[in-house]
N, C-alpha and C. Protein backbone atom coordinates (compact mmCIF):
# COMPACT_ATOMS: atom_id res chain seq x y z
N MET A 1 93.69 103.96 106.94
CA MET A 1 95.01 104.12 107.92
C MET A 1 95.30 105.34 108.44
N LEU A 2 95.70 106.06 107.68
CA LEU A 2 96.12 107.41 108.05
C LEU A 2 95.29 108.58 107.47
N LYS A 3 94.70 109.65 108.60
CA LYS A 3 93.63 110.63 108.22
C LYS A 3 93.86 111.56 107.80
N ALA A 4 95.33 111.41 107.62
CA ALA A 4 95.38 112.75 107.15
C ALA A 4 95.42 112.94 105.78
N ASP A 5 94.79 114.15 105.18
CA ASP A 5 94.60 114.24 103.87
C ASP A 5 95.94 113.88 102.75
N GLN A 6 96.30 113.36 102.25
CA GLN A 6 97.25 112.87 101.14
C GLN A 6 98.12 113.78 100.15
N LYS A 7 96.59 114.68 99.42
CA LYS A 7 96.94 115.53 98.79
C LYS A 7 97.29 117.04 98.95
N ASN A 8 97.66 117.29 100.13
CA ASN A 8 97.57 118.08 100.12
C ASN A 8 99.01 118.84 101.20
N PRO A 9 99.91 119.71 100.21
CA PRO A 9 100.83 119.60 100.30
C PRO A 9 101.98 119.93 101.48
N LEU A 10 101.03 120.58 102.53
CA LEU A 10 101.98 120.22 103.66
C LEU A 10 101.99 119.16 104.50
N ASN A 11 100.96 118.73 103.96
CA ASN A 11 101.11 117.25 105.03
C ASN A 11 102.22 116.02 104.10
N ARG A 12 102.34 116.09 102.69
CA ARG A 12 103.32 115.55 101.93
C ARG A 12 104.94 116.21 102.25
N ALA A 13 104.85 117.45 102.46
CA ALA A 13 106.25 117.82 102.78
C ALA A 13 106.72 117.41 104.19
N ILE A 14 106.00 117.55 105.35
CA ILE A 14 105.79 117.11 106.42
C ILE A 14 106.28 115.08 106.52
N PHE A 15 105.60 114.84 105.70
CA PHE A 15 106.27 113.52 105.99
C PHE A 15 107.60 113.33 105.46
N ILE A 16 108.09 114.06 104.41
CA ILE A 16 108.94 114.07 103.74
C ILE A 16 109.61 114.57 104.65
N MET A 17 109.66 115.42 105.87
CA MET A 17 110.94 115.58 106.57
C MET A 17 111.06 115.33 107.37
N VAL A 18 110.18 114.24 107.83
CA VAL A 18 110.19 113.05 109.43
C VAL A 18 110.45 111.92 108.57
N GLY A 19 110.60 111.35 107.54
CA GLY A 19 111.23 110.72 106.90
C GLY A 19 112.53 111.10 106.38
N THR A 20 113.02 112.20 106.54
CA THR A 20 114.64 112.12 106.06
C THR A 20 115.14 112.06 107.80
N ALA A 21 114.36 112.88 108.42
CA ALA A 21 115.05 112.80 109.84
C ALA A 21 115.20 111.16 110.09
N PHE A 22 114.67 110.34 109.98
CA PHE A 22 114.41 108.98 110.40
C PHE A 22 116.02 108.51 108.89
N VAL A 23 115.77 108.51 108.05
CA VAL A 23 117.18 108.39 107.40
C VAL A 23 118.38 109.04 107.63
N GLY A 24 118.42 109.81 108.26
CA GLY A 24 119.58 110.50 108.58
C GLY A 24 119.89 110.06 110.02
N VAL A 25 119.15 109.82 110.79
CA VAL A 25 119.26 109.28 112.11
C VAL A 25 120.06 107.62 111.61
N GLY A 26 119.35 106.84 110.95
CA GLY A 26 119.96 105.75 110.30
C GLY A 26 121.39 105.48 110.11
N VAL A 27 121.45 106.30 109.09
CA VAL A 27 122.99 106.71 108.43
C VAL A 27 123.80 106.97 109.17
N PHE A 28 123.68 108.23 110.12
CA PHE A 28 124.34 108.20 111.64
C PHE A 28 124.61 107.04 112.48
N ALA A 29 124.12 106.57 112.71
CA ALA A 29 123.77 105.00 113.45
C ALA A 29 124.73 104.27 112.54
N LEU A 30 124.63 103.93 111.58
CA LEU A 30 125.49 103.18 110.29
C LEU A 30 127.15 103.92 110.31
N ARG A 31 127.30 105.01 110.12
CA ARG A 31 128.34 105.32 110.16
C ARG A 31 129.24 105.56 112.00
N HIS A 32 128.76 105.83 112.46
CA HIS A 32 129.41 106.20 113.90
C HIS A 32 129.39 104.92 114.89
N SER A 33 128.40 103.98 114.82
CA SER A 33 128.14 103.67 115.69
C SER A 33 129.10 101.89 115.12
N PRO A 34 129.91 101.36 116.11
CA PRO A 34 130.24 99.52 115.69
C PRO A 34 129.23 98.65 116.26
N ILE A 35 128.33 98.93 116.91
CA ILE A 35 127.17 97.91 116.75
C ILE A 35 126.03 98.38 115.47
N PHE A 36 125.75 99.17 115.21
CA PHE A 36 124.85 99.63 113.81
C PHE A 36 123.36 100.11 114.62
N SER A 37 123.54 100.81 115.58
CA SER A 37 122.74 100.82 116.54
C SER A 37 122.80 102.26 116.91
N TYR A 38 121.62 103.09 117.47
CA TYR A 38 121.18 103.99 118.51
C TYR A 38 120.66 104.15 119.92
N GLN A 39 121.05 104.90 120.46
CA GLN A 39 119.98 104.42 121.57
C GLN A 39 118.88 105.55 121.65
N THR A 40 117.74 105.07 121.89
CA THR A 40 116.31 106.04 121.26
C THR A 40 116.33 107.08 123.26
N TRP A 41 115.07 108.15 122.54
CA TRP A 41 115.18 108.89 123.52
C TRP A 41 114.30 108.42 125.04
N TRP A 42 113.94 107.25 124.81
CA TRP A 42 113.53 105.82 126.35
C TRP A 42 114.03 105.22 126.85
N GLY A 43 115.87 105.43 125.97
CA GLY A 43 117.01 104.50 126.51
C GLY A 43 116.89 102.95 125.75
N GLY A 44 116.16 102.69 125.02
CA GLY A 44 116.07 101.26 124.12
C GLY A 44 117.21 101.46 122.99
N MET A 45 117.78 100.58 122.25
CA MET A 45 118.44 100.64 121.40
C MET A 45 117.39 100.25 119.93
N ALA A 46 118.14 101.01 119.15
CA ALA A 46 117.54 101.18 117.88
C ALA A 46 118.16 100.57 116.47
N PHE A 47 117.86 99.36 115.92
CA PHE A 47 119.27 99.21 114.52
C PHE A 47 118.87 99.90 113.39
N GLY A 48 119.80 100.68 113.65
CA GLY A 48 120.18 101.88 112.28
C GLY A 48 119.87 101.78 110.70
N PRO A 49 119.78 100.08 109.66
CA PRO A 49 119.00 100.35 108.77
C PRO A 49 117.41 99.78 109.16
N PHE A 50 116.84 99.82 109.76
CA PHE A 50 115.65 99.66 109.96
C PHE A 50 114.70 101.30 110.07
N ALA A 51 115.69 102.20 110.84
CA ALA A 51 115.63 103.23 111.05
C ALA A 51 115.69 104.18 109.30
N ILE A 52 116.45 103.66 108.84
CA ILE A 52 116.64 103.99 107.18
C ILE A 52 115.12 103.36 106.05
N LEU A 53 115.45 102.06 106.37
CA LEU A 53 113.96 101.75 105.93
C LEU A 53 112.79 102.44 106.32
N PHE A 54 111.96 103.07 107.83
CA PHE A 54 110.91 103.63 107.64
C PHE A 54 111.64 104.71 107.24
N GLY A 55 112.36 105.47 107.39
CA GLY A 55 112.04 106.69 106.26
C GLY A 55 111.72 107.26 105.24
N LEU A 56 112.43 105.88 104.48
CA LEU A 56 112.08 105.52 102.98
C LEU A 56 111.08 105.12 102.97
N VAL A 57 110.01 104.28 103.32
CA VAL A 57 108.86 104.14 103.45
C VAL A 57 108.07 105.61 103.74
N PHE A 58 108.77 106.60 104.61
CA PHE A 58 107.78 108.05 104.68
C PHE A 58 107.90 108.34 103.49
N VAL A 59 109.20 108.57 102.74
CA VAL A 59 109.53 109.18 101.94
C VAL A 59 108.50 109.38 100.67
N LEU A 60 108.84 107.57 100.36
CA LEU A 60 108.58 107.11 98.95
C LEU A 60 106.83 107.16 99.01
N GLY A 61 106.06 107.08 100.33
CA GLY A 61 104.36 107.49 100.18
C GLY A 61 104.01 108.74 100.09
N ALA A 62 104.90 109.58 100.51
CA ALA A 62 104.58 111.04 100.28
C ALA A 62 104.80 111.29 98.95
N ILE A 63 105.77 110.93 98.17
CA ILE A 63 106.26 111.36 96.98
C ILE A 63 104.92 110.62 95.84
N PHE A 64 105.02 109.34 95.93
CA PHE A 64 103.28 108.99 95.59
C PHE A 64 102.67 108.61 95.53
N LYS A 65 102.37 108.87 97.04
CA LYS A 65 100.36 109.09 97.30
C LYS A 65 100.08 107.64 97.14
N PRO A 66 100.57 106.65 97.56
CA PRO A 66 100.10 105.12 97.33
C PRO A 66 98.35 105.40 98.22
N ASP A 67 97.71 104.11 97.64
CA ASP A 67 96.33 104.38 98.11
C ASP A 67 96.18 103.38 99.25
N ILE A 68 96.95 102.70 99.34
CA ILE A 68 97.04 102.35 100.81
C ILE A 68 96.97 103.15 101.78
N PHE A 69 97.44 103.82 101.78
CA PHE A 69 97.32 104.37 103.26
C PHE A 69 95.48 105.26 103.50
N LYS A 70 95.00 105.63 102.32
CA LYS A 70 93.31 106.61 102.77
C LYS A 70 92.36 104.85 103.63
N PRO A 71 91.78 105.55 104.53
CA PRO A 71 91.15 105.07 105.62
C PRO A 71 90.00 104.57 104.95
């Protein structure tokens, strides 16, 4: 599925940083928006809890290195 080497520490660190950024954006949307959404770069609306869930998948995938990400 992903072509990146999951064992490379640099790739894992990047996945953790990106996942943490998604979690941060989702938490910010939950705390500061009455509709639990935020506006994306392209002008659409994104639901905050989905951003948190997506970020957690990235972080947990980088930490536990599941085999489903292997090509």
